[in-house]
C-alpha atoms as a PDB file:
ATOM      1  CA  MET A   1     145.554 108.581  60.201  1.00  0.00           C
ATOM      2  CA  LEU A   2     143.205 109.156  63.087  1.00  0.00           C
ATOM      3  CA  PRO A   3     143.373 107.065  66.235  1.00  0.00           C
ATOM      4  CA  PRO A   4     140.564 104.537  66.658  1.00  0.00           C
ATOM      5  CA  ILE A   5     137.513 105.797  68.497  1.00  0.00           C
ATOM      6  CA  ARG A   6     136.911 104.158  71.825  1.00  0.00           C
ATOM      7  CA  ILE A   7     133.334 103.865  72.886  1.00  0.00           C
ATOM      8  CA  PRO A   8     133.062 103.250  76.605  1.00  0.00           C
ATOM      9  CA  ARG A   9     130.783 100.419  77.558  1.00  0.00           C
ATOM     10  CA  HIS A  10     128.653 101.104  80.559  1.00  0.00           C
ATOM     11  CA  ARG A  11     127.129  98.162  82.236  1.00  0.00           C
ATOM     12  CA  ASN A  12     123.482  98.555  83.015  1.00  0.00           C
ATOM     13  CA  PRO A  13     123.058  98.080  86.743  1.00  0.00           C
ATOM     14  CA  LYS A  14     119.911  96.423  87.970  1.00  0.00           C
ATOM     15  CA  PRO A  15     117.316  98.933  89.096  1.00  0.00           C
ATOM     16  CA  HIS A  16     117.066  99.315  92.847  1.00  0.00           C
ATOM     17  CA  LEU A  17     113.512  98.394  93.781  1.00  0.00           C
ATOM     18  CA  PRO A  18     112.172  98.676  97.313  1.00  0.00           C
ATOM     19  CA  GLU A  19     111.876  95.353  99.046  1.00  0.00           C
ATOM     20  CA  PRO A  20     108.515  94.593 100.651  1.00  0.00           C
ATOM     21  CA  THR A  21     110.192  93.233 103.776  1.00  0.00           C
ATOM     22  CA  LYS A  22     112.863  95.910 104.070  1.00  0.00           C
ATOM     23  CA  PRO A  23     112.700  97.430 107.556  1.00  0.00           C
ATOM     24  CA  SER A  24     111.736 101.079 107.779  1.00  0.00           C
ATOM     25  CA  PHE A  25     111.241 103.589 110.551  1.00  0.00           C
ATOM     26  CA  ALA A  26     107.849 104.906 111.623  1.00  0.00           C
ATOM     27  CA  GLU A  27     106.975 108.262 110.085  1.00  0.00           C
ATOM     28  CA  ASP A  28     106.244 109.848 113.474  1.00  0.00           C
ATOM     29  CA  GLY A  29     109.945 109.963 114.396  1.00  0.00           C
ATOM     30  CA  SER A  30     109.560 107.561 117.322  1.00  0.00           C
ATOM     31  CA  GLY A  31     112.337 105.312 116.048  1.00  0.00           C
ATOM     32  CA  GLU A  32     109.965 102.358 115.787  1.00  0.00           C
ATOM     33  CA  VAL A  33     111.196  99.856 113.187  1.00  0.00           C
ATOM     34  CA  LEU A  34     108.472  98.459 110.928  1.00  0.00           C
ATOM     35  CA  SER A  35     108.950  95.504 108.597  1.00  0.00           C
ATOM     36  CA  GLY A  36     105.893  96.116 106.396  1.00  0.00           C
ATOM     37  CA  THR A  37     104.670  92.531 106.766  1.00  0.00           C
ATOM     38  CA  VAL A  38     102.428  90.443 108.997  1.00  0.00           C
ATOM     39  CA  GLN A  39     102.439  86.657 108.584  1.00  0.00           C
ATOM     40  CA  ASN A  40     104.421  87.093 105.331  1.00  0.00           C
ATOM     41  CA  LEU A  41     101.788  89.407 103.794  1.00  0.00           C
ATOM     42  CA  LYS A  42     102.201  93.117 103.076  1.00  0.00           C
ATOM     43  CA  ALA A  43     100.805  95.235 105.876  1.00  0.00           C
ATOM     44  CA  SER A  44     100.366  98.876 106.752  1.00  0.00           C
ATOM     45  CA  ALA A  45     101.996 100.356 109.850  1.00  0.00           C
ATOM     46  CA  ALA A  46      98.676 100.200 111.730  1.00  0.00           C
ATOM     47  CA  GLU A  47      98.156  96.542 110.772  1.00  0.00           C
ATOM     48  CA  GLU A  48     101.665  95.690 111.891  1.00  0.00           C
ATOM     49  CA  ARG A  49     101.187  97.447 115.243  1.00  0.00           C
ATOM     50  CA  ALA A  50      97.923  95.550 115.719  1.00  0.00           C
ATOM     51  CA  ALA A  51      99.707  92.245 115.062  1.00  0.00           C
ATOM     52  CA  ARG A  52     102.410  93.097 117.601  1.00  0.00           C
ATOM     53  CA  SER A  53      99.782  94.020 120.190  1.00  0.00           C
ATOM     54  CA  LEU A  54      97.827  90.813 119.583  1.00  0.00           C
ATOM     55  CA  HIS A  55     101.016  88.767 119.803  1.00  0.00           C
ATOM     56  CA  LYS A  56     101.923  90.352 123.172  1.00  0.00           C
ATOM     57  CA  ASN A  57      98.459  89.905 124.653  1.00  0.00           C
ATOM     58  CA  LYS A  58      98.346  86.852 126.939  1.00  0.00           C
ATOM     59  CA  VAL A  59      94.575  86.390 126.505  1.00  0.00           C
ATOM     60  CA  VAL A  60      94.819  86.065 122.714  1.00  0.00           C
ATOM     61  CA  ASP A  61      95.262  82.415 121.754  1.00  0.00           C
ATOM     62  CA  ALA A  62      95.908  82.959 118.028  1.00  0.00           C
ATOM     63  CA  PHE A  63      95.082  85.298 115.177  1.00  0.00           C
ATOM     64  CA  GLU A  64      94.910  85.166 111.408  1.00  0.00           C
ATOM     65  CA  PHE A  65      95.765  88.164 109.241  1.00  0.00           C
ATOM     66  CA  ARG A  66      93.698  88.794 106.094  1.00  0.00           C
ATOM     67  CA  LYS A  67      91.253  85.947 106.479  1.00  0.00           C
ATOM     68  CA  THR A  68      89.409  85.332 103.196  1.00  0.00           C
ATOM     69  CA  ILE A  69      85.783  84.362 103.467  1.00  0.00           C
ATOM     70  CA  ASN A  70      83.083  83.001 101.110  1.00  0.00           C
ATOM     71  CA  ALA A  71      85.313  82.406  98.068  1.00  0.00           C
ATOM     72  CA  PRO A  72      88.986  82.219  97.101  1.00  0.00           C
ATOM     73  CA  ARG A  73      90.822  85.537  97.089  1.00  0.00           C
ATOM     74  CA  ASN A  74      89.993  87.861  94.160  1.00  0.00           C
ATOM     75  CA  MET A  75      87.088  85.690  93.004  1.00  0.00           C
ATOM     76  CA  PRO A  76      83.537  87.046  92.782  1.00  0.00           C
ATOM     77  CA  GLY A  77      81.871  87.116  96.193  1.00  0.00           C
ATOM     78  CA  PHE A  78      85.028  86.874  98.277  1.00  0.00           C
ATOM     79  CA  LYS A  79      85.273  88.951 101.447  1.00  0.00           C
ATOM     80  CA  GLU A  80      88.385  89.686 103.435  1.00  0.00           C
ATOM     81  CA  LEU A  81      88.714  90.303 107.132  1.00  0.00           C
ATOM     82  CA  ASP A  82      91.789  92.117 108.430  1.00  0.00           C
ATOM     83  CA  TYR A  83      92.081  90.016 111.591  1.00  0.00           C
ATOM     84  CA  LEU A  84      90.309  86.980 112.970  1.00  0.00           C
ATOM     85  CA  VAL A  85      91.358  86.623 116.616  1.00  0.00           C
ATOM     86  CA  ALA A  86      90.787  83.619 118.885  1.00  0.00           C
ATOM     87  CA  SER A  87      90.488  84.351 122.586  1.00  0.00           C
ATOM     88  CA  ARG A  88      88.965  82.149 125.292  1.00  0.00           C
ATOM     89  CA  GLY A  89      87.021  80.036 122.802  1.00  0.00           C
ATOM     90  CA  THR A  90      85.460  82.996 120.983  1.00  0.00           C
ATOM     91  CA  MET A  91      86.459  84.422 117.617  1.00  0.00           C
ATOM     92  CA  TYR A  92      86.660  88.194 117.217  1.00  0.00           C
ATOM     93  CA  ALA A  93      86.608  89.943 113.840  1.00  0.00           C
ATOM     94  CA  PHE A  94      88.626  93.131 113.341  1.00  0.00           C
ATOM     95  CA  GLU A  95      88.831  95.628 110.491  1.00  0.00           C
ATOM     96  CA  ILE A  96      91.616  98.213 110.532  1.00  0.00           C
ATOM     97  CA  ASP A  97      90.067 101.343 109.024  1.00  0.00           C
ATOM     98  CA  SER A  98      92.025 104.160 107.472  1.00  0.00           C
ATOM     99  CA  PRO A  99      90.611 107.431 106.151  1.00  0.00           C
ATOM    100  CA  PHE A 100      91.607 106.498 102.601  1.00  0.00           C
ATOM    101  CA  THR A 101      90.067 103.018 102.400  1.00  0.00           C
ATOM    102  CA  HIS A 102      86.979 103.420 104.574  1.00  0.00           C
ATOM    103  CA  ARG A 103      85.903 107.047 104.424  1.00  0.00           C
ATOM    104  CA  THR A 104      82.676 106.573 102.404  1.00  0.00           C
ATOM    105  CA  LYS A 105      81.979 102.899 103.069  1.00  0.00           C
ATOM    106  CA  ALA A 106      79.751 103.066 106.144  1.00  0.00           C
ATOM    107  CA  ARG A 107      76.765 101.337 104.503  1.00  0.00           C
ATOM    108  CA  ALA A 108      78.951  98.861 102.646  1.00  0.00           C
ATOM    109  CA  ASP A 109      80.689  98.011 105.929  1.00  0.00           C
ATOM    110  CA  VAL A 110      77.376  97.061 107.550  1.00  0.00           C
ATOM    111  CA  LEU A 111      76.622  94.581 104.766  1.00  0.00           C
ATOM    112  CA  HIS A 112      80.225  93.332 104.710  1.00  0.00           C
ATOM    113  CA  ASP A 113      80.160  92.764 108.474  1.00  0.00           C
ATOM    114  CA  ALA A 114      76.879  90.843 108.322  1.00  0.00           C
ATOM    115  CA  ILE A 115      78.175  88.583 105.541  1.00  0.00           C
ATOM    116  CA  VAL A 116      81.463  87.948 107.348  1.00  0.00           C
ATOM    117  CA  LEU A 117      79.838  87.112 110.689  1.00  0.00           C
ATOM    118  CA  ARG A 118      77.253  84.837 109.070  1.00  0.00           C
ATOM    119  CA  SER A 119      79.897  83.010 107.057  1.00  0.00           C
ATOM    120  CA  LEU A 120      82.102  82.485 110.119  1.00  0.00           C
ATOM    121  CA  GLU A 121      79.132  81.118 112.075  1.00  0.00           C
ATOM    122  CA  GLN A 122      78.305  78.734 109.215  1.00  0.00           C
ATOM    123  CA  ASP A 123      81.921  77.521 109.314  1.00  0.00           C
ATOM    124  CA  GLY A 124      81.338  76.500 112.940  1.00  0.00           C
ATOM    125  CA  TYR A 125      83.085  79.335 114.742  1.00  0.00           C
ATOM    126  CA  GLN A 126      81.660  80.804 117.933  1.00  0.00           C
ATOM    127  CA  VAL A 127      81.818  84.459 116.885  1.00  0.00           C
ATOM    128  CA  TYR A 128      81.476  87.652 118.895  1.00  0.00           C
ATOM    129  CA  PRO A 129      78.381  89.351 117.388  1.00  0.00           C
ATOM    130  CA  THR A 130      80.138  92.531 116.221  1.00  0.00           C
ATOM    131  CA  VAL A 131      83.013  93.309 113.883  1.00  0.00           C
ATOM    132  CA  PHE A 132      85.368  95.756 115.590  1.00  0.00           C
ATOM    133  CA  HIS A 133      86.326  98.677 113.350  1.00  0.00           C
ATOM    134  CA  VAL A 134      89.649 100.025 114.622  1.00  0.00           C
ATOM    135  CA  GLN A 135      90.660 103.499 113.478  1.00  0.00           C
ATOM    136  CA  GLY A 136      94.274 103.095 112.363  1.00  0.00           C
ATOM    137  CA  GLU A 137      94.999 106.828 112.483  1.00  0.00           C
ATOM    138  CA  THR A 138      93.934 107.255 116.120  1.00  0.00           C
ATOM    139  CA  ASP A 139      93.636 103.856 117.869  1.00  0.00           C
ATOM    140  CA  LEU A 140      96.885 102.476 116.434  1.00  0.00           C
ATOM    141  CA  VAL A 141      98.941 105.658 116.063  1.00  0.00           C
ATOM    142  CA  ASP A 142     101.914 104.156 117.940  1.00  0.00           C
ATOM    143  CA  GLN A 143     102.718 100.848 119.615  1.00  0.00           C
ATOM    144  CA  LYS A 144     101.793 101.938 123.143  1.00  0.00           C
ATOM    145  CA  THR A 145      98.372 103.207 122.009  1.00  0.00           C
ATOM    146  CA  SER A 146      97.827  99.998 120.061  1.00  0.00           C
ATOM    147  CA  ASP A 147      98.756  97.844 123.064  1.00  0.00           C
ATOM    148  CA  ASN A 148      96.338  99.797 125.278  1.00  0.00           C
ATOM    149  CA  TYR A 149      93.520  99.483 122.727  1.00  0.00           C
ATOM    150  CA  PHE A 150      93.769  95.692 122.501  1.00  0.00           C
ATOM    151  CA  MET A 151      94.300  95.300 126.255  1.00  0.00           C
ATOM    152  CA  GLY A 152      91.000  97.132 126.714  1.00  0.00           C
ATOM    153  CA  ILE A 153      89.165  94.661 124.490  1.00  0.00           C
ATOM    154  CA  PHE A 154      90.800  91.464 125.754  1.00  0.00           C
ATOM    155  CA  GLN A 155      90.835  91.773 129.554  1.00  0.00           C
END
């Protein structure tokens, strides 16, 4: 008689998925640790550097990341602003541009900016008359460059 066949049982481990808040290092080799979030929302490296710079800046009273305007998020007509920054009683609107998301949107950005500024004014904010478009690849390439950029705006 043959011995009984033993079939090994392998337990199925849970798949290892990347965590959205798992710290990572900057790709430029600077050793900068990035969390991938700003105000508990997913953020790019440039957006995170901008948040750190705004937080350090003594002239900035407060800021809101990914401010939705006109309608609830993902509803028809909604607009989103990367940063709405309060400084000395004035609100400043910022868009962090990357080559991938903003390369062919120059005309659309003009309309988007006009709608955003008008909506903020209708909500009672005293708004600076221009939306700042920050180039993430050059203006926010590392933390020092980001700090200098925002120090130049908020003096």
